Structure formats: C-alpha cells, structure tokens
C-alpha cells in the first residue's frame, strides 16, 4: 500500500514541485499551505509521514508540530528548515522531528529522506522496549527516573530534557534518544551498526548516513564541553561514545 504523506509548504511553486516529485515515487500526497489547514488534515488522517516547512504563515513549523504532538497526532516527520535555523533552534522547544532537510535542497533529497523516515518508523513500530538494552546495561531499575550528568549537562530521561545550568537545550526526538543512549554508558564505544539498530530497528541499513547527521546536529546544539572536546566523540574507527570526565580523549 502506498504511503500517505501530508505536505505542509506555504510557497505554491515549491509545494507543486514537491507534490509532483513525491507522487512519481508512488506516494499519496495531501497538501496544506498553513498551520490551521494542516492541523485539520492531520486530525482527520491517517498519514504515514508529515513533511513540514519550518517557516509557515501565522505560526512557525515548530509551533505547529507542538500543537500536533499535544493533540496526539504522532506522525513521523521531516522538517524543512533554513540553515541558520538549525542553530537558532537550540534555544527553542524540542518538537520531536525525525529528520531535517536544510533549504535549498534538491527534490530528490527529500524523496530519500522521506523513504528513510518511513523505513525507520516501520522498524520502530516492530521493535521492543526502546532503549531497554541501554537501561539494563547501565544497571538502572526500570521505572526509576533520575537525572544523568554528562560533564556540565543534566539529562532527564523522564522529562526528555537536557539542561546546562538554567538553560534548556532543545533536541529532537531521535537526537535525544541517541544522546541518552551514549550518556548512560560513558566511555563505552558503540559502533554505527549497534546504534542504528538500537535507534531505528533491526532493518536499519548501515549505509544510511542519517545516524551521522543526528550526531552532527547534537554536536551543533550542545557546542563544546568545558574542556573543549566534543560530548560525542568518534570511537572505534566507525562508532561513537560519550567520554567520561576522567577519561583521556
């Protein structure tokens, strides 16, 4: 069955171009030009994926997504955003997008992102207990909420928030899960295959570079550690880790 996609883009020309390109891939497309129309369509659903422009009339795409999440419309989502906004979002709310695509972009790039997002969403729906492996290996009792310290960061699994002092650092849903997974096991090197399967399901393709895109976004959002290093380090040749404060890089 063809995936049903809700495309929310204010510019008529871009909306038409993306609709035609996605339809050529066999997707069923419905479109909206602003937040109120998108909310009404999303509530009627069902849709398999939301493609959302971050710059909408009347309200931002981030604000719209917050409304959709609050109304329990939990769609896998690709956010179209300006490059400058990737940095500006650090001070804003974490809205839970699955992927981002910076404008300007080639329509073929969106097709690839949508396909990857749908594939990961289907894998997530089949996998069991997200992050349960990490919780067990960290020796935590299930249901016990606590704050995890990572250098000067405080990570709250129950609230799904990251703070540095009094400042909250916004991370998307997958970005937060990735940081949480690594921060629970400081010093441990995870290879890309392990992290990809953990976050996206067993059908994740190691050739897919989306994991590396998430690492890059986390690094941009967090900035450097107090000692100048990166919170997420390359490790084991093709993997990642969060270093312990007393560990040499």
Protein backbone atom coordinates (compact mmCIF):
# COMPACT_ATOMS: atom_id res chain seq x y z
CA UNK A 1 0.00 0.00 0.00
CA UNK A 2 1.31 3.44 -0.93
CA UNK A 3 2.38 5.68 1.95
CA UNK A 4 0.09 8.65 2.62
CA UNK A 5 2.04 11.89 3.13
CA UNK A 6 0.88 15.28 4.42
CA UNK A 7 2.96 18.05 2.81
CA UNK A 8 2.78 21.44 4.56
CA UNK A 9 4.58 24.09 2.49
CA UNK A 10 3.45 27.73 2.08
CA UNK A 11 5.11 28.50 -1.29
CA UNK A 12 2.77 27.35 -4.11
CA UNK A 13 5.56 26.64 -6.60
CA UNK A 14 7.62 24.59 -4.18
CA UNK A 15 4.51 22.79 -2.94
CA UNK A 16 3.61 21.81 -6.51
CA UNK A 17 7.17 20.72 -7.35
CA UNK A 18 7.47 18.53 -4.26
CA UNK A 19 3.99 17.07 -4.71
CA UNK A 20 4.74 16.03 -8.29
CA UNK A 21 8.12 14.56 -7.33
CA UNK A 22 6.73 12.55 -4.41
CA UNK A 23 3.78 11.33 -6.48
CA UNK A 24 6.21 9.99 -9.09
CA UNK A 25 7.56 7.74 -6.33
CA UNK A 26 4.06 6.36 -5.79
CA UNK A 27 3.21 8.28 -2.59
CA UNK A 28 -0.29 9.63 -1.95
CA UNK A 29 0.03 13.35 -1.19
CA UNK A 30 -2.27 15.83 0.51
CA UNK A 31 -1.13 19.42 0.93
CA UNK A 32 -1.67 22.41 3.18
CA UNK A 33 -0.27 25.94 2.99
CA UNK A 34 -0.58 26.96 6.64
CA UNK A 35 -0.93 25.69 10.19
CA UNK A 36 -4.73 25.67 10.64
CA UNK A 37 -5.29 23.70 7.43
CA UNK A 38 -2.51 21.25 8.36
CA UNK A 39 -3.96 20.65 11.83
CA UNK A 40 -7.41 19.91 10.41
CA UNK A 41 -5.99 17.48 7.84
CA UNK A 42 -3.69 15.80 10.36
CA UNK A 43 -6.53 15.26 12.81
CA UNK A 44 -8.59 13.54 10.12
CA UNK A 45 -5.64 11.44 8.90
CA UNK A 46 -4.33 8.86 8.95
CA UNK A 47 -0.99 9.72 7.39
CA UNK A 48 2.27 7.81 7.30
CA UNK A 49 4.60 10.85 7.21
CA UNK A 50 4.49 14.62 7.65
CA UNK A 51 6.73 16.90 5.56
CA UNK A 52 6.65 20.28 7.28
CA UNK A 53 8.18 23.62 6.32
CA UNK A 54 9.60 25.38 9.38
CA UNK A 55 8.56 28.80 8.00
CA UNK A 56 4.76 28.96 7.89
CA UNK A 57 2.38 31.94 7.86
CA UNK A 58 0.67 32.69 11.19
CA UNK A 59 2.91 30.35 13.15
CA UNK A 60 6.24 28.57 12.75
CA UNK A 61 6.50 24.96 11.73
CA UNK A 62 7.95 24.25 15.17
CA UNK A 63 4.86 25.72 16.85
CA UNK A 64 2.57 23.73 14.55
CA UNK A 65 4.36 20.50 15.35
CA UNK A 66 3.99 21.26 19.06
CA UNK A 67 0.23 21.56 18.56
CA UNK A 68 0.10 18.30 16.62
CA UNK A 69 2.07 16.45 19.30
CA UNK A 70 -0.20 17.89 22.01
CA UNK A 71 -3.22 16.59 20.08
CA UNK A 72 -1.64 13.12 19.95
CA UNK A 73 -1.05 13.27 16.21
CA UNK A 74 2.27 11.44 16.34
CA UNK A 75 3.43 11.32 12.73
CA UNK A 76 6.95 10.52 11.56
CA UNK A 77 8.17 13.87 10.26
CA UNK A 78 10.75 15.55 8.05
CA UNK A 79 11.27 19.24 8.86
CA UNK A 80 12.31 21.63 6.08
CA UNK A 81 14.38 24.37 7.67
CA UNK A 82 16.71 27.25 6.88
CA UNK A 83 20.36 26.54 7.66
CA UNK A 84 20.50 29.45 10.12
CA UNK A 85 17.52 27.98 11.96
CA UNK A 86 19.49 24.82 12.78
CA UNK A 87 21.48 26.93 15.24
CA UNK A 88 18.56 29.11 16.31
CA UNK A 89 16.55 26.09 17.45
CA UNK A 90 18.97 25.42 20.32
CA UNK A 91 17.07 27.92 22.46
CA UNK A 92 13.63 26.76 21.31
CA UNK A 93 11.38 23.85 22.27
CA UNK A 94 12.28 20.29 21.31
CA UNK A 95 9.46 19.34 19.00
CA UNK A 96 10.44 15.81 18.05
CA UNK A 97 11.12 15.78 14.35
CA UNK A 98 12.55 12.58 12.91
CA UNK A 99 14.76 14.28 10.33
CA UNK A 100 15.68 17.72 8.98
CA UNK A 101 16.48 18.93 5.49
CA UNK A 102 18.09 22.35 5.10
CA UNK A 103 16.85 24.65 2.33
CA UNK A 104 17.57 24.98 -0.51
CA UNK A 105 17.55 21.30 -1.42
CA UNK A 106 17.05 19.07 -4.44
CA UNK A 107 13.62 17.34 -4.51
CA UNK A 108 15.43 14.01 -4.87
CA UNK A 109 17.00 14.65 -1.44
CA UNK A 110 13.53 14.96 0.07
CA UNK A 111 12.45 11.73 -1.58
CA UNK A 112 15.44 9.97 0.02
CA UNK A 113 14.72 11.48 3.45
CA UNK A 114 11.04 10.54 3.31
CA UNK A 115 11.90 6.96 2.31
CA UNK A 116 14.43 6.67 5.17
CA UNK A 117 12.00 8.18 7.70
CA UNK A 118 9.23 5.78 6.68
CA UNK A 119 11.61 2.83 6.85
CA UNK A 120 12.80 3.78 10.34
CA UNK A 121 9.24 4.42 11.53
CA UNK A 122 8.13 0.96 10.43
CA UNK A 123 11.14 -0.60 12.11
CA UNK A 124 10.48 1.31 15.34
CA UNK A 125 6.88 0.09 15.39
CA UNK A 126 8.14 -3.52 15.35
CA UNK A 127 10.96 -3.28 17.84
CA UNK A 128 10.55 -3.84 21.57
CA UNK A 129 11.16 -1.50 24.52
CA UNK A 130 13.12 1.47 23.13
CA UNK A 131 16.47 1.86 24.88
CA UNK A 132 15.73 -1.07 27.25
CA UNK A 133 19.13 -2.59 26.44
CA UNK A 134 20.88 0.60 27.50
CA UNK A 135 18.85 0.84 30.71
CA UNK A 136 19.67 -2.72 31.69
CA UNK A 137 23.36 -2.41 30.87
CA UNK A 138 23.58 0.80 32.90
CA UNK A 139 22.27 -1.15 35.90
CA UNK A 140 19.19 1.01 36.42
CA UNK A 141 15.94 -0.27 37.81
CA UNK A 142 13.08 0.15 35.39
CA UNK A 143 10.68 2.90 36.33
CA UNK A 144 13.25 4.77 38.43
CA UNK A 145 13.67 8.25 37.00
CA UNK A 146 16.88 10.11 37.63
CA UNK A 147 18.99 12.81 36.10
CA UNK A 148 22.11 11.76 34.22
CA UNK A 149 25.16 14.01 34.45
CA UNK A 150 27.37 14.37 31.39
CA UNK A 151 30.14 16.85 32.13
CA UNK A 152 28.17 20.10 32.65
CA UNK A 153 24.96 18.70 31.15
CA UNK A 154 22.00 17.36 33.10
CA UNK A 155 19.86 14.90 31.12
CA UNK A 156 16.38 14.00 32.38
CA UNK A 157 15.10 10.76 30.79
CA UNK A 158 11.61 11.14 32.27
CA UNK A 159 11.15 14.74 31.09
CA UNK A 160 13.22 14.19 27.93
CA UNK A 161 15.10 17.42 28.57
CA UNK A 162 18.74 18.49 28.51
CA UNK A 163 19.95 21.40 30.64
CA UNK A 164 23.20 23.28 31.06
CA UNK A 165 22.76 25.23 34.24
CA UNK A 166 19.44 27.08 33.94
CA UNK A 167 19.41 26.85 30.14
CA UNK A 168 17.44 24.17 28.34
CA UNK A 169 18.98 22.74 25.15
CA UNK A 170 16.43 21.61 22.60
CA UNK A 171 16.96 18.27 20.88
CA UNK A 172 14.67 16.40 18.53
CA UNK A 173 13.26 13.02 19.45
CA UNK A 174 15.90 10.85 17.79
CA UNK A 175 18.72 13.22 18.78
CA UNK A 176 17.67 12.97 22.43
CA UNK A 177 17.47 9.17 22.29
CA UNK A 178 20.95 8.98 20.79
CA UNK A 179 22.50 11.30 23.39
CA UNK A 180 20.70 9.42 26.17
CA UNK A 181 21.94 6.06 24.92
CA UNK A 182 25.56 7.22 24.88
CA UNK A 183 25.37 9.21 28.13
CA UNK A 184 24.03 6.18 30.02
CA UNK A 185 27.22 4.28 29.23
CA UNK A 186 30.06 6.86 29.37
CA UNK A 187 33.33 5.60 27.96
CA UNK A 188 31.75 2.74 26.04
CA UNK A 189 32.30 2.78 22.27
CA UNK A 190 29.24 1.86 20.22
CA UNK A 191 29.66 1.04 16.55
CA UNK A 192 27.28 2.50 13.97
CA UNK A 193 25.52 -0.83 13.44
CA UNK A 194 24.70 -1.15 17.16
CA UNK A 195 23.42 2.41 17.46
CA UNK A 196 21.49 2.25 14.20
CA UNK A 197 19.73 -0.97 15.17
CA UNK A 198 19.00 0.37 18.66
CA UNK A 199 17.51 3.64 17.46
CA UNK A 200 15.92 2.68 14.17
CA UNK A 201 15.31 -1.07 14.35
CA UNK A 202 16.96 -4.20 13.01
CA UNK A 203 16.22 -3.27 9.40
CA UNK A 204 18.39 -0.14 9.58
CA UNK A 205 20.86 -0.06 6.70
CA UNK A 206 24.46 0.72 7.82
CA UNK A 207 24.95 2.54 4.51
CA UNK A 208 22.30 5.06 5.62
CA UNK A 209 24.22 8.16 6.85
CA UNK A 210 21.27 9.52 8.86
CA UNK A 211 22.88 8.42 12.12
CA UNK A 212 25.89 10.62 11.37
CA UNK A 213 23.55 13.52 10.57
CA UNK A 214 21.99 13.14 14.03
CA UNK A 215 25.43 13.14 15.67
CA UNK A 216 26.31 16.33 13.79
CA UNK A 217 23.08 18.02 14.90
CA UNK A 218 23.67 17.06 18.54
CA UNK A 219 27.20 18.45 18.40
CA UNK A 220 25.92 21.72 16.92
CA UNK A 221 23.22 22.02 19.58
CA UNK A 222 25.48 21.21 22.55
CA UNK A 223 28.64 23.02 21.46
CA UNK A 224 31.98 22.07 23.08
CA UNK A 225 32.47 20.52 26.51
CA UNK A 226 34.00 22.66 29.26
CA UNK A 227 37.40 21.11 28.41
CA UNK A 228 36.98 21.96 24.72
CA UNK A 229 36.23 18.45 23.49
CA UNK A 230 33.04 17.15 21.92
CA UNK A 231 30.38 15.49 24.05
CA UNK A 232 30.00 12.78 21.39
CA UNK A 233 33.38 11.53 20.18
CA UNK A 234 34.33 9.29 17.29
CA UNK A 235 35.42 5.91 18.63
CA UNK A 236 36.46 2.51 17.36
CA UNK A 237 37.03 3.68 13.82
CA UNK A 238 33.35 3.85 12.85
CA UNK A 239 31.48 4.37 16.10
CA UNK A 240 30.74 6.91 18.81
CA UNK A 241 30.97 7.34 22.56
CA UNK A 242 30.48 9.89 25.31
CA UNK A 243 33.73 10.21 27.23
CA UNK A 244 33.92 10.08 31.00
CA UNK A 245 35.21 13.32 32.61
CA UNK A 246 38.28 11.46 33.87
CA UNK A 247 38.93 9.68 30.57
CA UNK A 248 41.59 10.68 28.08
CA UNK A 249 40.23 11.51 24.62
